[in-house]
Protein backbone atom coordinates (compact mmCIF):
# COMPACT_ATOMS: atom_id res chain seq x y z
CA UNK A 1 11.76 3.36 -5.52
CA UNK A 2 11.84 -0.39 -4.71
CA UNK A 3 9.43 -2.69 -3.04
CA UNK A 4 11.03 -2.03 0.60
CA UNK A 5 10.79 1.71 0.26
CA UNK A 6 7.01 1.47 -0.74
CA UNK A 7 6.40 -0.83 2.24
CA UNK A 8 8.24 1.59 4.63
CA UNK A 9 6.54 4.39 3.47
CA UNK A 10 3.14 3.04 4.10
CA UNK A 11 4.15 1.62 7.39
CA UNK A 12 5.62 4.97 8.43
CA UNK A 13 2.55 6.78 7.45
CA UNK A 14 -0.35 4.16 8.71
CA UNK A 15 0.37 3.26 12.40
CA UNK A 16 0.34 -0.38 12.97
CA UNK A 17 0.28 -1.16 9.21
CA UNK A 18 1.94 -4.25 7.86
CA UNK A 19 2.53 -3.71 4.01
CA UNK A 20 3.24 -6.38 1.55
CA UNK A 21 4.72 -5.14 -1.71
CA UNK A 22 5.67 -6.95 -4.84
CA UNK A 23 6.26 -6.29 -8.52
CA UNK A 24 3.65 -8.73 -9.92
CA UNK A 25 4.31 -8.07 -13.89
CA UNK A 26 8.16 -8.16 -14.41
CA UNK A 27 10.71 -8.15 -11.54
CA UNK A 28 12.48 -5.31 -13.20
CA UNK A 29 9.37 -3.13 -13.46
CA UNK A 30 9.96 -0.85 -10.45
CA UNK A 31 7.04 1.41 -11.26
CA UNK A 32 3.80 -1.17 -11.12
CA UNK A 33 3.36 -2.56 -7.62
CA UNK A 34 1.11 -5.16 -5.96
CA UNK A 35 0.51 -3.88 -2.50
CA UNK A 36 -1.31 -5.66 0.47
CA UNK A 37 -1.97 -3.61 3.50
CA UNK A 38 -3.38 -4.73 6.76
CA UNK A 39 -4.11 -1.96 9.41
CA UNK A 40 -6.59 -1.47 12.30
CA UNK A 41 -6.90 2.01 10.61
CA UNK A 42 -9.09 0.38 8.11
CA UNK A 43 -11.63 -0.73 10.52
CA UNK A 44 -15.09 0.92 9.95
CA UNK A 45 -13.78 2.42 6.65
CA UNK A 46 -15.36 1.97 3.19
CA UNK A 47 -13.28 0.25 0.86
CA UNK A 48 -12.71 3.54 -1.14
CA UNK A 49 -11.71 5.19 2.15
CA UNK A 50 -9.22 2.50 3.03
CA UNK A 51 -7.60 3.08 -0.50
CA UNK A 52 -7.49 6.78 0.09
CA UNK A 53 -5.57 6.21 3.38
CA UNK A 54 -2.89 4.31 1.57
CA UNK A 55 -2.99 6.68 -1.53
CA UNK A 56 -2.44 9.51 1.29
CA UNK A 57 0.63 7.71 2.83
CA UNK A 58 2.30 7.37 -0.59
CA UNK A 59 1.52 10.90 -1.36
CA UNK A 60 3.44 12.64 -4.16
CA UNK A 61 5.28 9.26 -4.86
CA UNK A 62 2.15 8.08 -6.77
CA UNK A 63 2.82 10.63 -9.52
CA UNK A 64 6.60 10.62 -9.58
CA UNK A 65 7.90 7.27 -8.54
CA UNK A 66 5.05 4.83 -8.79
CA UNK A 67 3.05 4.36 -12.03
CA UNK A 68 0.35 1.93 -10.68
CA UNK A 69 -0.48 -0.07 -7.68
CA UNK A 70 -2.85 -3.09 -7.35
CA UNK A 71 -4.05 -2.49 -3.99
CA UNK A 72 -5.50 -4.90 -1.39
CA UNK A 73 -6.44 -3.44 1.97
CA UNK A 74 -7.55 -5.56 4.92
CA UNK A 75 -8.19 -5.09 8.51
CA UNK A 76 -6.39 -7.12 11.02
CA UNK A 77 -9.45 -9.35 11.49
CA UNK A 78 -9.96 -9.87 7.85
CA UNK A 79 -6.38 -10.93 7.35
CA UNK A 80 -6.72 -13.68 9.79
């Protein structure tokens, strides 16, 4: 699974989300990602709940295709 596929999956599952996905360690390591997600769905949610929304969006890919993610979640207001 590449960065674009991870971003597309998140953006499909979280309405109005904007996901930026990179491989922070090694460009050839396609199982460790840094993920930054901006979404109005995070408004009023705790950080744990925000992260759970992203984990839910990734579903089984977190256990099959993705080994680890460094996750940053922001509301649109926080991203400005």
